PDB file of N, CA and C in Angstrom:
ATOM      1  N   UNK A   1     -25.739  -2.109   2.387  1.00  0.00           N
ATOM      2  CA  UNK A   1     -26.272  -1.037   3.170  1.00  0.00           C
ATOM      3  C   UNK A   1     -27.797  -1.137   3.193  1.00  0.00           C
ATOM      4  N   UNK A   2     -28.362  -1.669   2.123  1.00  0.00           N
ATOM      5  CA  UNK A   2     -29.808  -1.869   2.082  1.00  0.00           C
ATOM      6  C   UNK A   2     -30.235  -2.868   3.153  1.00  0.00           C
ATOM      7  N   UNK A   3     -29.489  -3.962   3.289  1.00  0.00           N
ATOM      8  CA  UNK A   3     -29.826  -4.971   4.299  1.00  0.00           C
ATOM      9  C   UNK A   3     -29.739  -4.389   5.702  1.00  0.00           C
ATOM     10  N   UNK A   4     -28.765  -3.541   5.940  1.00  0.00           N
ATOM     11  CA  UNK A   4     -28.641  -2.893   7.243  1.00  0.00           C
ATOM     12  C   UNK A   4     -29.832  -1.964   7.486  1.00  0.00           C
ATOM     13  N   UNK A   5     -30.256  -1.273   6.456  1.00  0.00           N
ATOM     14  CA  UNK A   5     -31.398  -0.367   6.574  1.00  0.00           C
ATOM     15  C   UNK A   5     -32.682  -1.148   6.860  1.00  0.00           C
ATOM     16  N   UNK A   6     -32.838  -2.314   6.226  1.00  0.00           N
ATOM     17  CA  UNK A   6     -34.042  -3.126   6.429  1.00  0.00           C
ATOM     18  C   UNK A   6     -34.119  -3.680   7.850  1.00  0.00           C
ATOM     19  N   UNK A   7     -33.001  -4.168   8.379  1.00  0.00           N
ATOM     20  CA  UNK A   7     -32.978  -4.743   9.719  1.00  0.00           C
ATOM     21  C   UNK A   7     -31.554  -4.635  10.261  1.00  0.00           C
ATOM     22  N   UNK A   8     -31.303  -3.638  11.066  1.00  0.00           N
ATOM     23  CA  UNK A   8     -29.944  -3.387  11.550  1.00  0.00           C
ATOM     24  C   UNK A   8     -29.471  -4.406  12.585  1.00  0.00           C
ATOM     25  N   UNK A   9     -30.369  -5.243  13.079  1.00  0.00           N
ATOM     26  CA  UNK A   9     -29.979  -6.249  14.072  1.00  0.00           C
ATOM     27  C   UNK A   9     -29.533  -7.567  13.424  1.00  0.00           C
ATOM     28  N   UNK A  10     -29.874  -7.782  12.166  1.00  0.00           N
ATOM     29  CA  UNK A  10     -29.495  -9.006  11.454  1.00  0.00           C
ATOM     30  C   UNK A  10     -28.060  -8.900  10.936  1.00  0.00           C
ATOM     31  N   UNK A  11     -27.351 -10.004  10.937  1.00  0.00           N
ATOM     32  CA  UNK A  11     -26.012 -10.045  10.369  1.00  0.00           C
ATOM     33  C   UNK A  11     -26.129 -10.057   8.850  1.00  0.00           C
ATOM     34  N   UNK A  12     -25.100  -9.568   8.180  1.00  0.00           N
ATOM     35  CA  UNK A  12     -25.034  -9.600   6.721  1.00  0.00           C
ATOM     36  C   UNK A  12     -24.031 -10.680   6.331  1.00  0.00           C
ATOM     37  N   UNK A  13     -24.415 -11.536   5.383  1.00  0.00           N
ATOM     38  CA  UNK A  13     -23.549 -12.607   4.891  1.00  0.00           C
ATOM     39  C   UNK A  13     -23.214 -12.328   3.437  1.00  0.00           C
ATOM     40  N   UNK A  14     -21.932 -12.342   3.103  1.00  0.00           N
ATOM     41  CA  UNK A  14     -21.488 -12.126   1.735  1.00  0.00           C
ATOM     42  C   UNK A  14     -20.779 -13.396   1.268  1.00  0.00           C
ATOM     43  N   UNK A  15     -21.326 -14.020   0.229  1.00  0.00           N
ATOM     44  CA  UNK A  15     -20.753 -15.226  -0.364  1.00  0.00           C
ATOM     45  C   UNK A  15     -19.923 -14.805  -1.571  1.00  0.00           C
ATOM     46  N   UNK A  16     -18.667 -15.228  -1.612  1.00  0.00           N
ATOM     47  CA  UNK A  16     -17.746 -14.750  -2.640  1.00  0.00           C
ATOM     48  C   UNK A  16     -17.235 -15.904  -3.493  1.00  0.00           C
ATOM     49  N   UNK A  17     -17.344 -15.720  -4.805  1.00  0.00           N
ATOM     50  CA  UNK A  17     -16.744 -16.611  -5.796  1.00  0.00           C
ATOM     51  C   UNK A  17     -16.338 -15.721  -6.964  1.00  0.00           C
ATOM     52  N   UNK A  18     -15.120 -15.217  -6.928  1.00  0.00           N
ATOM     53  CA  UNK A  18     -14.681 -14.241  -7.924  1.00  0.00           C
ATOM     54  C   UNK A  18     -13.201 -14.419  -8.216  1.00  0.00           C
ATOM     55  N   UNK A  19     -12.858 -14.366  -9.478  1.00  0.00           N
ATOM     56  CA  UNK A  19     -11.454 -14.453  -9.872  1.00  0.00           C
ATOM     57  C   UNK A  19     -10.828 -13.082 -10.039  1.00  0.00           C
ATOM     58  N   UNK A  20     -11.496 -12.052  -9.574  1.00  0.00           N
ATOM     59  CA  UNK A  20     -10.935 -10.708  -9.622  1.00  0.00           C
ATOM     60  C   UNK A  20     -11.379  -9.931 -10.842  1.00  0.00           C
ATOM     61  N   UNK A  21     -10.569  -8.940 -11.223  1.00  0.00           N
ATOM     62  CA  UNK A  21     -10.964  -8.029 -12.297  1.00  0.00           C
ATOM     63  C   UNK A  21     -10.365  -8.387 -13.647  1.00  0.00           C
ATOM     64  N   UNK A  22      -9.687  -9.529 -13.750  1.00  0.00           N
ATOM     65  CA  UNK A  22      -9.114  -9.941 -15.034  1.00  0.00           C
ATOM     66  C   UNK A  22      -9.240 -11.449 -15.210  1.00  0.00           C
ATOM     67  N   UNK A  23      -9.417 -11.854 -16.462  1.00  0.00           N
ATOM     68  CA  UNK A  23      -9.441 -13.287 -16.774  1.00  0.00           C
ATOM     69  C   UNK A  23      -8.017 -13.826 -16.752  1.00  0.00           C
ATOM     70  N   UNK A  24      -7.886 -15.143 -16.908  1.00  0.00           N
ATOM     71  CA  UNK A  24      -6.560 -15.767 -16.925  1.00  0.00           C
ATOM     72  C   UNK A  24      -5.667 -15.219 -18.032  1.00  0.00           C
ATOM     73  N   UNK A  25      -6.272 -14.821 -19.159  1.00  0.00           N
ATOM     74  CA  UNK A  25      -5.482 -14.303 -20.275  1.00  0.00           C
ATOM     75  C   UNK A  25      -5.158 -12.816 -20.136  1.00  0.00           C
ATOM     76  N   UNK A  26      -5.551 -12.193 -19.010  1.00  0.00           N
ATOM     77  CA  UNK A  26      -5.251 -10.797 -18.755  1.00  0.00           C
ATOM     78  C   UNK A  26      -6.319  -9.825 -19.218  1.00  0.00           C
ATOM     79  N   UNK A  27      -7.333 -10.314 -19.916  1.00  0.00           N
ATOM     80  CA  UNK A  27      -8.424  -9.458 -20.395  1.00  0.00           C
ATOM     81  C   UNK A  27      -9.215  -8.916 -19.204  1.00  0.00           C
ATOM     82  N   UNK A  28      -9.362  -7.588 -19.096  1.00  0.00           N
ATOM     83  CA  UNK A  28     -10.113  -7.031 -17.957  1.00  0.00           C
ATOM     84  C   UNK A  28     -11.606  -7.350 -18.042  1.00  0.00           C
ATOM     85  N   UNK A  29     -12.185  -7.704 -16.911  1.00  0.00           N
ATOM     86  CA  UNK A  29     -13.627  -7.980 -16.835  1.00  0.00           C
ATOM     87  C   UNK A  29     -14.293  -7.104 -15.781  1.00  0.00           C
ATOM     88  N   UNK A  30     -13.551  -6.224 -15.187  1.00  0.00           N
ATOM     89  CA  UNK A  30     -14.084  -5.323 -14.168  1.00  0.00           C
ATOM     90  C   UNK A  30     -13.063  -4.237 -13.874  1.00  0.00           C
ATOM     91  N   UNK A  31     -13.464  -3.320 -13.027  1.00  0.00           N
ATOM     92  CA  UNK A  31     -12.570  -2.222 -12.661  1.00  0.00           C
ATOM     93  C   UNK A  31     -12.164  -2.365 -11.198  1.00  0.00           C
ATOM     94  N   UNK A  32     -10.937  -1.997 -10.880  1.00  0.00           N
ATOM     95  CA  UNK A  32     -10.458  -2.101  -9.504  1.00  0.00           C
ATOM     96  C   UNK A  32     -11.264  -1.227  -8.560  1.00  0.00           C
ATOM     97  N   UNK A  33     -11.790  -0.124  -9.054  1.00  0.00           N
ATOM     98  CA  UNK A  33     -12.567   0.772  -8.191  1.00  0.00           C
ATOM     99  C   UNK A  33     -13.829   0.099  -7.658  1.00  0.00           C
ATOM    100  N   UNK A  34     -14.346  -0.900  -8.373  1.00  0.00           N
ATOM    101  CA  UNK A  34     -15.540  -1.606  -7.903  1.00  0.00           C
ATOM    102  C   UNK A  34     -15.255  -2.375  -6.618  1.00  0.00           C
ATOM    103  N   UNK A  35     -14.088  -3.019  -6.536  1.00  0.00           N
ATOM    104  CA  UNK A  35     -13.706  -3.732  -5.324  1.00  0.00           C
ATOM    105  C   UNK A  35     -13.560  -2.797  -4.141  1.00  0.00           C
ATOM    106  N   UNK A  36     -12.961  -1.637  -4.369  1.00  0.00           N
ATOM    107  CA  UNK A  36     -12.818  -0.659  -3.292  1.00  0.00           C
ATOM    108  C   UNK A  36     -14.165  -0.076  -2.881  1.00  0.00           C
ATOM    109  N   UNK A  37     -15.096   0.059  -3.826  1.00  0.00           N
ATOM    110  CA  UNK A  37     -16.432   0.563  -3.486  1.00  0.00           C
ATOM    111  C   UNK A  37     -17.149  -0.408  -2.555  1.00  0.00           C
ATOM    112  N   UNK A  38     -17.030  -1.705  -2.823  1.00  0.00           N
ATOM    113  CA  UNK A  38     -17.643  -2.713  -1.951  1.00  0.00           C
ATOM    114  C   UNK A  38     -16.981  -2.669  -0.577  1.00  0.00           C
ATOM    115  N   UNK A  39     -15.643  -2.610  -0.553  1.00  0.00           N
ATOM    116  CA  UNK A  39     -14.903  -2.538   0.706  1.00  0.00           C
ATOM    117  C   UNK A  39     -15.334  -1.317   1.521  1.00  0.00           C
ATOM    118  N   UNK A  40     -15.412  -0.159   0.876  1.00  0.00           N
ATOM    119  CA  UNK A  40     -15.816   1.070   1.573  1.00  0.00           C
ATOM    120  C   UNK A  40     -17.221   0.953   2.146  1.00  0.00           C
ATOM    121  N   UNK A  41     -18.139   0.363   1.387  1.00  0.00           N
ATOM    122  CA  UNK A  41     -19.509   0.176   1.880  1.00  0.00           C
ATOM    123  C   UNK A  41     -19.515  -0.743   3.100  1.00  0.00           C
ATOM    124  N   UNK A  42     -18.703  -1.796   3.072  1.00  0.00           N
ATOM    125  CA  UNK A  42     -18.628  -2.711   4.211  1.00  0.00           C
ATOM    126  C   UNK A  42     -18.093  -2.002   5.451  1.00  0.00           C
ATOM    127  N   UNK A  43     -17.117  -1.132   5.278  1.00  0.00           N
ATOM    128  CA  UNK A  43     -16.520  -0.428   6.407  1.00  0.00           C
ATOM    129  C   UNK A  43     -17.486   0.586   7.023  1.00  0.00           C
ATOM    130  N   UNK A  44     -18.408   1.096   6.254  1.00  0.00           N
ATOM    131  CA  UNK A  44     -19.369   2.080   6.764  1.00  0.00           C
ATOM    132  C   UNK A  44     -20.502   1.438   7.551  1.00  0.00           C
ATOM    133  N   UNK A  45     -20.742   0.160   7.325  1.00  0.00           N
ATOM    134  CA  UNK A  45     -21.874  -0.509   7.968  1.00  0.00           C
ATOM    135  C   UNK A  45     -21.576  -0.805   9.430  1.00  0.00           C
ATOM    136  N   UNK A  46     -22.580  -0.644  10.263  1.00  0.00           N
ATOM    137  CA  UNK A  46     -22.462  -0.986  11.683  1.00  0.00           C
ATOM    138  C   UNK A  46     -22.864  -2.437  11.933  1.00  0.00           C
ATOM    139  N   UNK A  47     -23.615  -3.004  11.008  1.00  0.00           N
ATOM    140  CA  UNK A  47     -24.055  -4.390  11.109  1.00  0.00           C
ATOM    141  C   UNK A  47     -22.853  -5.324  10.986  1.00  0.00           C
ATOM    142  N   UNK A  48     -22.883  -6.444  11.703  1.00  0.00           N
ATOM    143  CA  UNK A  48     -21.809  -7.426  11.633  1.00  0.00           C
ATOM    144  C   UNK A  48     -21.838  -8.105  10.266  1.00  0.00           C
ATOM    145  N   UNK A  49     -20.689  -8.128   9.590  1.00  0.00           N
ATOM    146  CA  UNK A  49     -20.596  -8.712   8.258  1.00  0.00           C
ATOM    147  C   UNK A  49     -19.768  -9.987   8.328  1.00  0.00           C
ATOM    148  N   UNK A  50     -20.333 -11.069   7.816  1.00  0.00           N
ATOM    149  CA  UNK A  50     -19.646 -12.353   7.722  1.00  0.00           C
ATOM    150  C   UNK A  50     -19.353 -12.602   6.250  1.00  0.00           C
ATOM    151  N   UNK A  51     -18.135 -13.019   5.920  1.00  0.00           N
ATOM    152  CA  UNK A  51     -17.788 -13.317   4.538  1.00  0.00           C
ATOM    153  C   UNK A  51     -17.478 -14.802   4.404  1.00  0.00           C
ATOM    154  N   UNK A  52     -17.847 -15.379   3.260  1.00  0.00           N
ATOM    155  CA  UNK A  52     -17.668 -16.806   3.018  1.00  0.00           C
ATOM    156  C   UNK A  52     -17.162 -17.018   1.604  1.00  0.00           C
ATOM    157  N   UNK A  53     -16.009 -17.647   1.468  1.00  0.00           N
ATOM    158  CA  UNK A  53     -15.470 -18.002   0.159  1.00  0.00           C
ATOM    159  C   UNK A  53     -16.073 -19.339  -0.248  1.00  0.00           C
ATOM    160  N   UNK A  54     -16.784 -19.358  -1.374  1.00  0.00           N
ATOM    161  CA  UNK A  54     -17.424 -20.601  -1.819  1.00  0.00           C
ATOM    162  C   UNK A  54     -16.814 -21.141  -3.103  1.00  0.00           C
ATOM    163  N   UNK A  55     -15.778 -20.530  -3.597  1.00  0.00           N
ATOM    164  CA  UNK A  55     -15.139 -20.995  -4.826  1.00  0.00           C
ATOM    165  C   UNK A  55     -13.727 -20.467  -4.905  1.00  0.00           C
ATOM    166  N   UNK A  56     -13.595 -19.279  -5.472  1.00  0.00           N
ATOM    167  CA  UNK A  56     -12.281 -18.652  -5.616  1.00  0.00           C
ATOM    168  C   UNK A  56     -12.357 -17.199  -5.184  1.00  0.00           C
ATOM    169  N   UNK A  57     -11.270 -16.706  -4.642  1.00  0.00           N
ATOM    170  CA  UNK A  57     -11.135 -15.270  -4.397  1.00  0.00           C
ATOM    171  C   UNK A  57      -9.761 -14.861  -4.889  1.00  0.00           C
ATOM    172  N   UNK A  58      -9.737 -13.843  -5.709  1.00  0.00           N
ATOM    173  CA  UNK A  58      -8.472 -13.310  -6.207  1.00  0.00           C
ATOM    174  C   UNK A  58      -8.628 -11.814  -6.381  1.00  0.00           C
ATOM    175  N   UNK A  59      -7.524 -11.118  -6.318  1.00  0.00           N
ATOM    176  CA  UNK A  59      -7.567  -9.678  -6.504  1.00  0.00           C
ATOM    177  C   UNK A  59      -8.422  -9.006  -5.448  1.00  0.00           C
ATOM    178  N   UNK A  60      -9.319  -8.168  -5.887  1.00  0.00           N
ATOM    179  CA  UNK A  60     -10.130  -7.398  -4.949  1.00  0.00           C
ATOM    180  C   UNK A  60     -11.192  -8.241  -4.252  1.00  0.00           C
ATOM    181  N   UNK A  61     -11.477  -9.425  -4.764  1.00  0.00           N
ATOM    182  CA  UNK A  61     -12.373 -10.330  -4.046  1.00  0.00           C
ATOM    183  C   UNK A  61     -11.732 -10.741  -2.724  1.00  0.00           C
ATOM    184  N   UNK A  62     -10.413 -10.856  -2.702  1.00  0.00           N
ATOM    185  CA  UNK A  62      -9.695 -11.169  -1.466  1.00  0.00           C
ATOM    186  C   UNK A  62      -9.798 -10.011  -0.483  1.00  0.00           C
ATOM    187  N   UNK A  63      -9.777  -8.799  -0.994  1.00  0.00           N
ATOM    188  CA  UNK A  63      -9.959  -7.616  -0.149  1.00  0.00           C
ATOM    189  C   UNK A  63     -11.325  -7.658   0.527  1.00  0.00           C
ATOM    190  N   UNK A  64     -12.365  -7.965  -0.238  1.00  0.00           N
ATOM    191  CA  UNK A  64     -13.723  -8.045   0.308  1.00  0.00           C
ATOM    192  C   UNK A  64     -13.815  -9.184   1.320  1.00  0.00           C
ATOM    193  N   UNK A  65     -13.206 -10.327   1.010  1.00  0.00           N
ATOM    194  CA  UNK A  65     -13.217 -11.467   1.930  1.00  0.00           C
ATOM    195  C   UNK A  65     -12.569 -11.099   3.261  1.00  0.00           C
ATOM    196  N   UNK A  66     -11.437 -10.434   3.221  1.00  0.00           N
ATOM    197  CA  UNK A  66     -10.716 -10.071   4.444  1.00  0.00           C
ATOM    198  C   UNK A  66     -11.410  -8.965   5.224  1.00  0.00           C
ATOM    199  N   UNK A  67     -12.314  -8.226   4.585  1.00  0.00           N
ATOM    200  CA  UNK A  67     -13.000  -7.116   5.253  1.00  0.00           C
ATOM    201  C   UNK A  67     -14.120  -7.582   6.171  1.00  0.00           C
ATOM    202  N   UNK A  68     -14.456  -8.860   6.141  1.00  0.00           N
ATOM    203  CA  UNK A  68     -15.492  -9.375   7.036  1.00  0.00           C
ATOM    204  C   UNK A  68     -15.068  -9.275   8.489  1.00  0.00           C
ATOM    205  N   UNK A  69     -16.024  -9.415   9.381  1.00  0.00           N
ATOM    206  CA  UNK A  69     -15.743  -9.321  10.815  1.00  0.00           C
ATOM    207  C   UNK A  69     -14.659 -10.312  11.206  1.00  0.00           C
ATOM    208  N   UNK A  70     -13.784  -9.877  12.087  1.00  0.00           N
ATOM    209  CA  UNK A  70     -12.692 -10.724  12.562  1.00  0.00           C
ATOM    210  C   UNK A  70     -13.249 -12.041  13.094  1.00  0.00           C
ATOM    211  N   UNK A  71     -12.634 -13.130  12.675  1.00  0.00           N
ATOM    212  CA  UNK A  71     -13.018 -14.496  13.033  1.00  0.00           C
ATOM    213  C   UNK A  71     -14.358 -14.917  12.415  1.00  0.00           C
ATOM    214  N   UNK A  72     -14.872 -14.171  11.472  1.00  0.00           N
ATOM    215  CA  UNK A  72     -16.117 -14.542  10.803  1.00  0.00           C
ATOM    216  C   UNK A  72     -15.906 -14.672   9.299  1.00  0.00           C
ATOM    217  N   UNK A  73     -14.677 -14.895   8.879  1.00  0.00           N
ATOM    218  CA  UNK A  73     -14.352 -15.144   7.483  1.00  0.00           C
ATOM    219  C   UNK A  73     -14.179 -16.645   7.333  1.00  0.00           C
ATOM    220  N   UNK A  74     -15.011 -17.258   6.504  1.00  0.00           N
ATOM    221  CA  UNK A  74     -15.036 -18.708   6.394  1.00  0.00           C
ATOM    222  C   UNK A  74     -14.738 -19.166   4.977  1.00  0.00           C
ATOM    223  N   UNK A  75     -14.217 -20.381   4.858  1.00  0.00           N
ATOM    224  CA  UNK A  75     -13.936 -21.005   3.576  1.00  0.00           C
ATOM    225  C   UNK A  75     -14.637 -22.351   3.513  1.00  0.00           C
ATOM    226  N   UNK A  76     -15.124 -22.724   2.326  1.00  0.00           N
ATOM    227  CA  UNK A  76     -15.540 -24.102   2.124  1.00  0.00           C
ATOM    228  C   UNK A  76     -14.259 -24.888   1.849  1.00  0.00           C
ATOM    229  N   UNK A  77     -14.262 -26.218   2.061  1.00  0.00           N
ATOM    230  CA  UNK A  77     -13.018 -26.987   1.962  1.00  0.00           C
ATOM    231  C   UNK A  77     -12.304 -26.916   0.608  1.00  0.00           C
ATOM    232  N   UNK A  78     -13.013 -26.729  -0.487  1.00  0.00           N
ATOM    233  CA  UNK A  78     -12.377 -26.768  -1.806  1.00  0.00           C
ATOM    234  C   UNK A  78     -12.066 -25.392  -2.381  1.00  0.00           C
ATOM    235  N   UNK A  79     -12.071 -24.357  -1.569  1.00  0.00           N
ATOM    236  CA  UNK A  79     -11.890 -22.998  -2.097  1.00  0.00           C
ATOM    237  C   UNK A  79     -10.437 -22.730  -2.476  1.00  0.00           C
ATOM    238  N   UNK A  80     -10.255 -21.708  -3.301  1.00  0.00           N
ATOM    239  CA  UNK A  80      -8.934 -21.207  -3.672  1.00  0.00           C
ATOM    240  C   UNK A  80      -8.914 -19.713  -3.407  1.00  0.00           C
ATOM    241  N   UNK A  81      -7.927 -19.235  -2.684  1.00  0.00           N
ATOM    242  CA  UNK A  81      -7.796 -17.811  -2.412  1.00  0.00           C
ATOM    243  C   UNK A  81      -6.375 -17.391  -2.746  1.00  0.00           C
ATOM    244  N   UNK A  82      -6.238 -16.295  -3.486  1.00  0.00           N
ATOM    245  CA  UNK A  82      -4.932 -15.846  -3.936  1.00  0.00           C
ATOM    246  C   UNK A  82      -4.562 -14.558  -3.230  1.00  0.00           C
ATOM    247  N   UNK A  83      -3.337 -14.465  -2.802  1.00  0.00           N
ATOM    248  CA  UNK A  83      -2.859 -13.385  -1.944  1.00  0.00           C
ATOM    249  C   UNK A  83      -2.894 -12.025  -2.631  1.00  0.00           C
ATOM    250  N   UNK A  84      -3.537 -11.074  -1.995  1.00  0.00           N
ATOM    251  CA  UNK A  84      -3.514  -9.679  -2.418  1.00  0.00           C
ATOM    252  C   UNK A  84      -2.841  -8.843  -1.335  1.00  0.00           C
ATOM    253  N   UNK A  85      -2.457  -9.475  -0.259  1.00  0.00           N
ATOM    254  CA  UNK A  85      -1.971  -8.765   0.924  1.00  0.00           C
ATOM    255  C   UNK A  85      -0.715  -7.950   0.660  1.00  0.00           C
ATOM    256  N   UNK A  86       0.136  -8.403  -0.224  1.00  0.00           N
ATOM    257  CA  UNK A  86       1.371  -7.663  -0.457  1.00  0.00           C
ATOM    258  C   UNK A  86       1.107  -6.317  -1.115  1.00  0.00           C
ATOM    259  N   UNK A  87       0.041  -6.211  -1.884  1.00  0.00           N
ATOM    260  CA  UNK A  87      -0.291  -4.959  -2.557  1.00  0.00           C
ATOM    261  C   UNK A  87      -1.020  -3.989  -1.646  1.00  0.00           C
ATOM    262  N   UNK A  88      -1.955  -4.496  -0.847  1.00  0.00           N
ATOM    263  CA  UNK A  88      -2.804  -3.634  -0.033  1.00  0.00           C
ATOM    264  C   UNK A  88      -2.665  -3.932   1.454  1.00  0.00           C
ATOM    265  N   UNK A  89      -1.458  -4.241   1.909  1.00  0.00           N
ATOM    266  CA  UNK A  89      -1.261  -4.645   3.301  1.00  0.00           C
ATOM    267  C   UNK A  89      -1.601  -3.543   4.295  1.00  0.00           C
ATOM    268  N   UNK A  90      -1.636  -2.297   3.863  1.00  0.00           N
ATOM    269  CA  UNK A  90      -1.964  -1.199   4.774  1.00  0.00           C
ATOM    270  C   UNK A  90      -3.418  -1.241   5.224  1.00  0.00           C
ATOM    271  N   UNK A  91      -4.257  -2.032   4.571  1.00  0.00           N
ATOM    272  CA  UNK A  91      -5.678  -2.076   4.905  1.00  0.00           C
ATOM    273  C   UNK A  91      -6.017  -3.098   5.983  1.00  0.00           C
ATOM    274  N   UNK A  92      -5.161  -4.088   6.219  1.00  0.00           N
ATOM    275  CA  UNK A  92      -5.527  -5.218   7.057  1.00  0.00           C
ATOM    276  C   UNK A  92      -4.591  -5.385   8.233  1.00  0.00           C
ATOM    277  N   UNK A  93      -5.107  -6.066   9.257  1.00  0.00           N
ATOM    278  CA  UNK A  93      -4.229  -6.500  10.339  1.00  0.00           C
ATOM    279  C   UNK A  93      -3.624  -7.854   9.946  1.00  0.00           C
ATOM    280  N   UNK A  94      -2.722  -8.378  10.758  1.00  0.00           N
ATOM    281  CA  UNK A  94      -2.043  -9.628  10.421  1.00  0.00           C
ATOM    282  C   UNK A  94      -3.001 -10.792  10.236  1.00  0.00           C
ATOM    283  N   UNK A  95      -4.048 -10.876  11.051  1.00  0.00           N
ATOM    284  CA  UNK A  95      -4.989 -11.992  10.951  1.00  0.00           C
ATOM    285  C   UNK A  95      -5.709 -11.978   9.612  1.00  0.00           C
ATOM    286  N   UNK A  96      -6.086 -10.806   9.139  1.00  0.00           N
ATOM    287  CA  UNK A  96      -6.766 -10.707   7.854  1.00  0.00           C
ATOM    288  C   UNK A  96      -5.836 -11.062   6.709  1.00  0.00           C
ATOM    289  N   UNK A  97      -4.583 -10.674   6.819  1.00  0.00           N
ATOM    290  CA  UNK A  97      -3.623 -11.007   5.768  1.00  0.00           C
ATOM    291  C   UNK A  97      -3.455 -12.514   5.682  1.00  0.00           C
ATOM    292  N   UNK A  98      -3.371 -13.183   6.819  1.00  0.00           N
ATOM    293  CA  UNK A  98      -3.184 -14.630   6.818  1.00  0.00           C
ATOM    294  C   UNK A  98      -4.356 -15.364   6.186  1.00  0.00           C
ATOM    295  N   UNK A  99      -5.557 -14.783   6.201  1.00  0.00           N
ATOM    296  CA  UNK A  99      -6.709 -15.490   5.644  1.00  0.00           C
ATOM    297  C   UNK A  99      -6.687 -15.474   4.124  1.00  0.00           C
ATOM    298  N   UNK A 100      -5.810 -14.720   3.510  1.00  0.00           N
ATOM    299  CA  UNK A 100      -5.778 -14.593   2.053  1.00  0.00           C
ATOM    300  C   UNK A 100      -4.733 -15.488   1.402  1.00  0.00           C
ATOM    301  N   UNK A 101      -4.446 -16.617   1.977  1.00  0.00           N
ATOM    302  CA  UNK A 101      -3.534 -17.556   1.367  1.00  0.00           C
ATOM    303  C   UNK A 101      -4.305 -18.774   0.883  1.00  0.00           C
ATOM    304  N   UNK A 102      -3.716 -19.502  -0.049  1.00  0.00           N
ATOM    305  CA  UNK A 102      -4.403 -20.647  -0.638  1.00  0.00           C
ATOM    306  C   UNK A 102      -4.829 -21.648   0.421  1.00  0.00           C
ATOM    307  N   UNK A 103      -6.012 -22.205   0.225  1.00  0.00           N
ATOM    308  CA  UNK A 103      -6.490 -23.263   1.119  1.00  0.00           C
ATOM    309  C   UNK A 103      -7.117 -24.346   0.266  1.00  0.00           C
ATOM    310  N   UNK A 104      -6.859 -25.563   0.615  1.00  0.00           N
ATOM    311  CA  UNK A 104      -7.448 -26.697  -0.095  1.00  0.00           C
ATOM    312  C   UNK A 104      -7.931 -27.684   0.947  1.00  0.00           C
ATOM    313  N   UNK A 105      -9.115 -28.273   0.705  1.00  0.00           N
ATOM    314  CA  UNK A 105      -9.697 -29.226   1.645  1.00  0.00           C
ATOM    315  C   UNK A 105      -9.080 -30.520   1.561  1.00  0.00           C
TER     316      UNK A 105
END
Protein backbone atom coordinates (compact mmCIF):
# COMPACT_ATOMS: atom_id res chain seq x y z
CA UNK A 1 0.00 0.00 0.00
CA UNK A 2 3.00 2.25 0.59
CA UNK A 3 4.17 1.73 -3.00
CA UNK A 4 0.71 2.62 -4.28
CA UNK A 5 0.73 5.76 -2.14
CA UNK A 6 4.17 6.78 -3.47
CA UNK A 7 3.22 6.34 -7.14
CA UNK A 8 -0.21 4.99 -8.02
CA UNK A 9 0.66 4.69 -11.72
CA UNK A 10 3.55 2.23 -11.18
CA UNK A 11 2.90 -1.51 -11.06
CA UNK A 12 3.73 -3.40 -7.87
CA UNK A 13 5.89 -6.54 -8.17
CA UNK A 14 5.89 -9.16 -5.42
CA UNK A 15 8.64 -11.80 -5.51
CA UNK A 16 7.73 -14.91 -3.53
CA UNK A 17 9.95 -17.62 -2.06
CA UNK A 18 8.15 -19.09 0.93
CA UNK A 19 7.45 -22.56 2.24
CA UNK A 20 4.41 -21.35 4.16
CA UNK A 21 3.77 -21.12 7.88
CA UNK A 22 5.38 -24.42 8.93
CA UNK A 23 8.71 -26.15 8.46
CA UNK A 24 8.97 -29.66 7.01
CA UNK A 25 8.90 -31.11 10.54
CA UNK A 26 5.61 -29.31 11.29
CA UNK A 27 7.13 -26.65 13.56
CA UNK A 28 5.21 -23.37 13.04
CA UNK A 29 7.26 -20.43 11.76
CA UNK A 30 4.41 -18.01 11.12
CA UNK A 31 0.71 -17.47 11.59
CA UNK A 32 -1.96 -18.10 8.97
CA UNK A 33 -3.45 -14.67 9.64
CA UNK A 34 -0.30 -13.07 8.19
CA UNK A 35 -0.98 -14.61 4.77
CA UNK A 36 -4.56 -13.37 4.83
CA UNK A 37 -3.38 -9.89 5.87
CA UNK A 38 -1.13 -9.72 2.80
CA UNK A 39 -3.95 -11.03 0.58
CA UNK A 40 -6.40 -8.45 1.99
CA UNK A 41 -3.91 -5.62 1.41
CA UNK A 42 -3.43 -6.76 -2.20
CA UNK A 43 -7.19 -6.82 -2.79
CA UNK A 44 -7.58 -3.25 -1.50
CA UNK A 45 -4.96 -1.82 -3.84
CA UNK A 46 -6.01 -0.24 -7.13
CA UNK A 47 -2.49 -0.53 -8.53
CA UNK A 48 -1.80 -3.51 -10.81
CA UNK A 49 0.00 -6.23 -8.84
CA UNK A 50 2.30 -8.74 -10.54
CA UNK A 51 3.44 -11.80 -8.58
CA UNK A 52 6.53 -13.89 -9.34
CA UNK A 53 7.50 -17.22 -7.80
CA UNK A 54 11.30 -17.35 -7.57
CA UNK A 55 11.73 -20.47 -5.45
CA UNK A 56 8.89 -22.16 -3.60
CA UNK A 57 5.33 -21.29 -2.72
CA UNK A 58 3.35 -23.33 -0.25
CA UNK A 59 0.43 -22.67 2.03
CA UNK A 60 -0.50 -19.02 2.19
CA UNK A 61 2.36 -18.06 -0.12
CA UNK A 62 0.32 -19.77 -2.84
CA UNK A 63 -2.65 -17.60 -1.87
CA UNK A 64 -0.53 -14.46 -2.30
CA UNK A 65 0.87 -15.76 -5.61
CA UNK A 66 -2.62 -16.41 -7.00
CA UNK A 67 -3.85 -12.98 -5.85
CA UNK A 68 -1.73 -11.21 -8.48
CA UNK A 69 -3.37 -9.68 -11.53
CA UNK A 70 -4.83 -12.23 -13.92
CA UNK A 71 -2.21 -13.37 -16.45
CA UNK A 72 0.52 -11.56 -14.49
CA UNK A 73 1.52 -14.43 -12.21
CA UNK A 74 4.90 -15.73 -13.32
CA UNK A 75 7.22 -18.59 -12.39
CA UNK A 76 10.94 -19.04 -12.89
CA UNK A 77 11.68 -22.42 -14.54
CA UNK A 78 12.91 -24.17 -11.36
CA UNK A 79 10.13 -23.10 -8.99
CA UNK A 80 7.99 -25.37 -6.83
CA UNK A 81 4.41 -24.47 -5.97
CA UNK A 82 2.17 -26.58 -3.74
CA UNK A 83 -1.60 -26.60 -4.07
CA UNK A 84 -3.64 -24.66 -1.52
CA UNK A 85 -6.65 -24.42 -3.81
CA UNK A 86 -8.60 -27.25 -2.22
CA UNK A 87 -8.64 -25.44 1.13
CA UNK A 88 -9.38 -21.91 -0.05
CA UNK A 89 -11.03 -22.47 -3.43
CA UNK A 90 -13.76 -19.93 -2.63
CA UNK A 91 -11.19 -17.13 -3.05
CA UNK A 92 -10.05 -17.84 -6.62
CA UNK A 93 -11.36 -18.33 -10.10
CA UNK A 94 -10.37 -21.45 -12.07
CA UNK A 95 -7.36 -19.78 -13.71
CA UNK A 96 -5.88 -18.82 -10.35
CA UNK A 97 -6.41 -22.31 -8.97
CA UNK A 98 -4.57 -23.83 -11.93
CA UNK A 99 -1.52 -21.63 -11.29
CA UNK A 100 -1.01 -23.28 -7.88
CA UNK A 101 0.18 -26.64 -9.13
CA UNK A 102 3.75 -27.90 -9.21
CA UNK A 103 5.92 -26.63 -12.05
CA UNK A 104 9.41 -27.69 -12.97
CA UNK A 105 11.61 -26.26 -15.73
